[in-house]
C-alpha atoms as a PDB file:
ATOM      1  CA  MET A   1     -14.029  33.281  -7.926  1.00  0.00           C
ATOM      2  CA  ARG A   2     -12.543  29.673  -7.453  1.00  0.00           C
ATOM      3  CA  ASP A   3      -9.093  31.197  -8.617  1.00  0.00           C
ATOM      4  CA  ILE A   4      -9.090  33.700  -5.945  1.00  0.00           C
ATOM      5  CA  MET A   5     -10.199  31.373  -3.120  1.00  0.00           C
ATOM      6  CA  LEU A   6      -7.891  28.469  -4.017  1.00  0.00           C
ATOM      7  CA  PRO A   7      -5.063  29.591  -6.190  1.00  0.00           C
ATOM      8  CA  ASN A   8      -3.364  26.191  -5.898  1.00  0.00           C
ATOM      9  CA  ALA A   9      -6.118  23.789  -6.479  1.00  0.00           C
ATOM     10  CA  PRO A  10      -6.230  21.466  -9.389  1.00  0.00           C
ATOM     11  CA  LEU A  11      -8.727  22.396 -12.018  1.00  0.00           C
ATOM     12  CA  THR A  12      -9.900  18.755 -12.375  1.00  0.00           C
ATOM     13  CA  ARG A  13     -11.393  16.584  -9.641  1.00  0.00           C
ATOM     14  CA  THR A  14      -9.264  13.882  -8.099  1.00  0.00           C
ATOM     15  CA  ARG A  15     -10.323  10.434  -9.564  1.00  0.00           C
ATOM     16  CA  ARG A  16     -11.047   7.366  -7.505  1.00  0.00           C
ATOM     17  CA  LEU A  17      -9.310   4.120  -8.262  1.00  0.00           C
ATOM     18  CA  ALA A  18     -11.147   1.730 -10.355  1.00  0.00           C
ATOM     19  CA  PRO A  19     -12.423  -1.343  -8.630  1.00  0.00           C
ATOM     20  CA  LYS A  20     -10.268  -3.668 -10.369  1.00  0.00           C
ATOM     21  CA  ARG A  21      -7.114  -1.557  -9.696  1.00  0.00           C
ATOM     22  CA  GLN A  22      -8.167  -1.322  -6.075  1.00  0.00           C
ATOM     23  CA  MET A  23      -8.517  -5.106  -5.688  1.00  0.00           C
ATOM     24  CA  ARG A  24      -5.118  -5.707  -7.373  1.00  0.00           C
ATOM     25  CA  GLU A  25      -3.535  -3.247  -4.882  1.00  0.00           C
ATOM     26  CA  ARG A  26      -5.273  -4.893  -1.932  1.00  0.00           C
ATOM     27  CA  ARG A  27      -4.185  -8.364  -3.117  1.00  0.00           C
ATOM     28  CA  THR A  28      -0.543  -6.992  -3.524  1.00  0.00           C
ATOM     29  CA  ALA A  29      -0.626  -5.644  -0.100  1.00  0.00           C
ATOM     30  CA  GLN A  30      -1.854  -8.896   1.424  1.00  0.00           C
ATOM     31  CA  ALA A  31       0.974 -10.780  -0.451  1.00  0.00           C
ATOM     32  CA  LEU A  32       3.488  -8.450   0.791  1.00  0.00           C
ATOM     33  CA  ILE A  33       2.230  -8.721   4.306  1.00  0.00           C
ATOM     34  CA  LEU A  34       2.308 -12.462   4.160  1.00  0.00           C
ATOM     35  CA  PHE A  35       5.751 -12.520   2.666  1.00  0.00           C
ATOM     36  CA  GLY A  36       6.947 -10.360   5.591  1.00  0.00           C
ATOM     37  CA  ILE A  37       5.371 -12.663   8.206  1.00  0.00           C
ATOM     38  CA  VAL A  38       7.005 -15.731   6.661  1.00  0.00           C
ATOM     39  CA  LEU A  39      10.352 -13.950   6.404  1.00  0.00           C
ATOM     40  CA  ALA A  40      10.117 -12.949  10.144  1.00  0.00           C
ATOM     41  CA  ALA A  41       9.309 -16.544  11.118  1.00  0.00           C
ATOM     42  CA  VAL A  42      12.260 -17.943   9.028  1.00  0.00           C
ATOM     43  CA  GLU A  43      14.694 -15.434  10.542  1.00  0.00           C
ATOM     44  CA  LEU A  44      13.461 -16.387  14.182  1.00  0.00           C
ATOM     45  CA  TYR A  45      13.930 -20.040  13.196  1.00  0.00           C
ATOM     46  CA  VAL A  46      17.409 -19.489  12.004  1.00  0.00           C
ATOM     47  CA  ILE A  47      18.409 -17.397  15.029  1.00  0.00           C
ATOM     48  CA  LEU A  48      16.868 -19.720  17.601  1.00  0.00           C
ATOM     49  CA  GLY A  49      18.117 -22.806  15.699  1.00  0.00           C
ATOM     50  CA  SER A  50      21.727 -21.622  16.045  1.00  0.00           C
ATOM     51  CA  LEU A  51      21.628 -21.290  19.893  1.00  0.00           C
END
């Protein structure tokens, strides 16, 4: 019956991320955001400093 209703559905359930992996990904995302903010600040400093 399931094959008739959802022909393209996966046979296994989608797995949730493990808590440790989820925390590592969150820390990585926060580090990338912080790096972007610092990079933007340095770029503004260089641009405004050259005027």
